[in-house]
Amino acid sequence: MDINKTDIIEVAPTFRVQWEEVQDCFVVLYPEGMVKLSQSAGEIMKRIDGQTTIESIIKDLETTFSENNLENDVLKFLEVAYDTGWIRNKK
């Protein structure tokens, strides 16, 4: 899928992102199970709220973690998240 930084994305309806205390990480929940997310994946997914552009998510991550040039890593992860069906463009 072609990702445009001005896209507003949301978590797909059959998935939910939440912090799991027992797992000590963010997870993606879906009817058949759960996927544990790495810290960086969790930081990206928790910012997907159906109101924020991809560009704003990247800027927020760069500010929060005092890192520059996170764009490529974030976009690569979002491509995977699109392909797995976790996220979609807001309609």
C-alpha atoms as a PDB file:
ATOM      1  CA  MET A   1       0.000   0.000   0.000  1.00  0.00           C
ATOM      2  CA  ASP A   2       1.205   3.489  -0.785  1.00  0.00           C
ATOM      3  CA  ILE A   3       1.425   5.515   2.380  1.00  0.00           C
ATOM      4  CA  ASN A   4       0.912   9.237   2.247  1.00  0.00           C
ATOM      5  CA  LYS A   5       2.164  11.207   5.243  1.00  0.00           C
ATOM      6  CA  THR A   6      -0.992  13.329   5.146  1.00  0.00           C
ATOM      7  CA  ASP A   7      -3.213  10.249   5.614  1.00  0.00           C
ATOM      8  CA  ILE A   8      -5.207   9.994   8.803  1.00  0.00           C
ATOM      9  CA  ILE A   9      -5.153   6.404   9.984  1.00  0.00           C
ATOM     10  CA  GLU A  10      -7.136   4.407  12.497  1.00  0.00           C
ATOM     11  CA  VAL A  11      -6.985   0.993  14.088  1.00  0.00           C
ATOM     12  CA  ALA A  12      -9.217  -1.360  12.109  1.00  0.00           C
ATOM     13  CA  PRO A  13     -12.522  -2.255  13.806  1.00  0.00           C
ATOM     14  CA  THR A  14     -11.650  -5.891  14.567  1.00  0.00           C
ATOM     15  CA  PHE A  15      -8.441  -4.908  16.383  1.00  0.00           C
ATOM     16  CA  ARG A  16      -7.705  -3.069  19.615  1.00  0.00           C
ATOM     17  CA  VAL A  17      -4.416  -1.672  20.933  1.00  0.00           C
ATOM     18  CA  GLN A  18      -3.904  -1.579  24.680  1.00  0.00           C
ATOM     19  CA  TRP A  19      -1.291  -1.777  27.407  1.00  0.00           C
ATOM     20  CA  GLU A  20      -1.145  -5.239  28.962  1.00  0.00           C
ATOM     21  CA  GLU A  21       0.255  -5.051  32.468  1.00  0.00           C
ATOM     22  CA  VAL A  22       0.920  -8.798  32.630  1.00  0.00           C
ATOM     23  CA  GLN A  23       2.851  -8.686  29.329  1.00  0.00           C
ATOM     24  CA  ASP A  24       4.528  -5.380  30.285  1.00  0.00           C
ATOM     25  CA  CYS A  25       3.981  -4.070  26.755  1.00  0.00           C
ATOM     26  CA  PHE A  26       1.411  -2.812  24.282  1.00  0.00           C
ATOM     27  CA  VAL A  27      -0.486  -5.494  22.429  1.00  0.00           C
ATOM     28  CA  VAL A  28      -2.813  -5.740  19.463  1.00  0.00           C
ATOM     29  CA  LEU A  29      -5.898  -7.727  20.422  1.00  0.00           C
ATOM     30  CA  TYR A  30      -8.163  -9.413  17.893  1.00  0.00           C
ATOM     31  CA  PRO A  31     -10.834 -12.137  18.129  1.00  0.00           C
ATOM     32  CA  GLU A  32      -8.376 -14.986  17.516  1.00  0.00           C
ATOM     33  CA  GLY A  33      -5.641 -13.801  19.864  1.00  0.00           C
ATOM     34  CA  MET A  34      -3.038 -11.221  20.702  1.00  0.00           C
ATOM     35  CA  VAL A  35       0.220  -9.871  19.277  1.00  0.00           C
ATOM     36  CA  LYS A  36       2.840  -8.473  21.629  1.00  0.00           C
ATOM     37  CA  LEU A  37       4.406  -5.288  20.269  1.00  0.00           C
ATOM     38  CA  SER A  38       7.971  -4.115  20.650  1.00  0.00           C
ATOM     39  CA  GLN A  39       8.386  -0.844  22.527  1.00  0.00           C
ATOM     40  CA  SER A  40       8.808   1.139  19.307  1.00  0.00           C
ATOM     41  CA  ALA A  41       5.813  -0.538  17.630  1.00  0.00           C
ATOM     42  CA  GLY A  42       3.717   0.147  20.735  1.00  0.00           C
ATOM     43  CA  GLU A  43       4.716   3.815  20.709  1.00  0.00           C
ATOM     44  CA  ILE A  44       3.584   4.107  17.097  1.00  0.00           C
ATOM     45  CA  MET A  45       0.339   2.168  17.528  1.00  0.00           C
ATOM     46  CA  LYS A  46      -0.751   4.040  20.650  1.00  0.00           C
ATOM     47  CA  ARG A  47      -0.647   7.294  18.660  1.00  0.00           C
ATOM     48  CA  ILE A  48      -3.036   6.028  15.991  1.00  0.00           C
ATOM     49  CA  ASP A  49      -6.300   7.630  17.028  1.00  0.00           C
ATOM     50  CA  GLY A  50      -8.237   8.216  13.821  1.00  0.00           C
ATOM     51  CA  GLN A  51      -7.618  11.961  14.053  1.00  0.00           C
ATOM     52  CA  THR A  52      -3.871  12.377  13.600  1.00  0.00           C
ATOM     53  CA  THR A  53      -1.918  12.349  10.344  1.00  0.00           C
ATOM     54  CA  ILE A  54       1.025  10.043   9.854  1.00  0.00           C
ATOM     55  CA  GLU A  55       3.243  13.113   9.566  1.00  0.00           C
ATOM     56  CA  SER A  56       2.085  14.334  13.000  1.00  0.00           C
ATOM     57  CA  ILE A  57       2.725  10.903  14.519  1.00  0.00           C
ATOM     58  CA  ILE A  58       6.282  10.955  13.169  1.00  0.00           C
ATOM     59  CA  LYS A  59       6.910  14.473  14.490  1.00  0.00           C
ATOM     60  CA  ASP A  60       5.522  13.536  17.903  1.00  0.00           C
ATOM     61  CA  LEU A  61       7.771  10.474  18.098  1.00  0.00           C
ATOM     62  CA  GLU A  62      10.834  12.502  17.079  1.00  0.00           C
ATOM     63  CA  THR A  63      10.030  15.111  19.745  1.00  0.00           C
ATOM     64  CA  THR A  64       9.212  12.588  22.470  1.00  0.00           C
ATOM     65  CA  PHE A  65      12.369  10.556  21.938  1.00  0.00           C
ATOM     66  CA  SER A  66      14.692  13.388  20.870  1.00  0.00           C
ATOM     67  CA  GLU A  67      15.440  11.520  17.666  1.00  0.00           C
ATOM     68  CA  ASN A  68      15.603  12.799  14.128  1.00  0.00           C
ATOM     69  CA  ASN A  69      14.949  10.833  10.982  1.00  0.00           C
ATOM     70  CA  LEU A  70      12.450   8.319  12.358  1.00  0.00           C
ATOM     71  CA  GLU A  71      10.320   8.706   9.251  1.00  0.00           C
ATOM     72  CA  ASN A  72      11.624   5.677   7.331  1.00  0.00           C
ATOM     73  CA  ASP A  73      11.320   3.340  10.319  1.00  0.00           C
ATOM     74  CA  VAL A  74       7.797   4.529  11.117  1.00  0.00           C
ATOM     75  CA  LEU A  75       6.669   4.238   7.507  1.00  0.00           C
ATOM     76  CA  LYS A  76       8.122   0.706   7.233  1.00  0.00           C
ATOM     77  CA  PHE A  77       6.257  -0.355  10.358  1.00  0.00           C
ATOM     78  CA  LEU A  78       3.018   1.230   9.127  1.00  0.00           C
ATOM     79  CA  GLU A  79       3.325  -0.682   5.846  1.00  0.00           C
ATOM     80  CA  VAL A  80       3.462  -3.921   7.838  1.00  0.00           C
ATOM     81  CA  ALA A  81       0.529  -2.805  10.006  1.00  0.00           C
ATOM     82  CA  TYR A  82      -1.503  -2.025   6.849  1.00  0.00           C
ATOM     83  CA  ASP A  83      -0.595  -5.394   5.333  1.00  0.00           C
ATOM     84  CA  THR A  84      -1.646  -7.278   8.481  1.00  0.00           C
ATOM     85  CA  GLY A  85      -4.923  -5.371   8.585  1.00  0.00           C
ATOM     86  CA  TRP A  86      -4.276  -3.696  11.960  1.00  0.00           C
ATOM     87  CA  ILE A  87      -4.740  -0.182  10.550  1.00  0.00           C
ATOM     88  CA  ARG A  88      -6.547   1.511   7.714  1.00  0.00           C
ATOM     89  CA  ASN A  89      -7.075   4.974   6.304  1.00  0.00           C
ATOM     90  CA  LYS A  90      -9.786   6.877   8.102  1.00  0.00           C
ATOM     91  CA  LYS A  91     -12.885   7.083   5.961  1.00  0.00           C
END
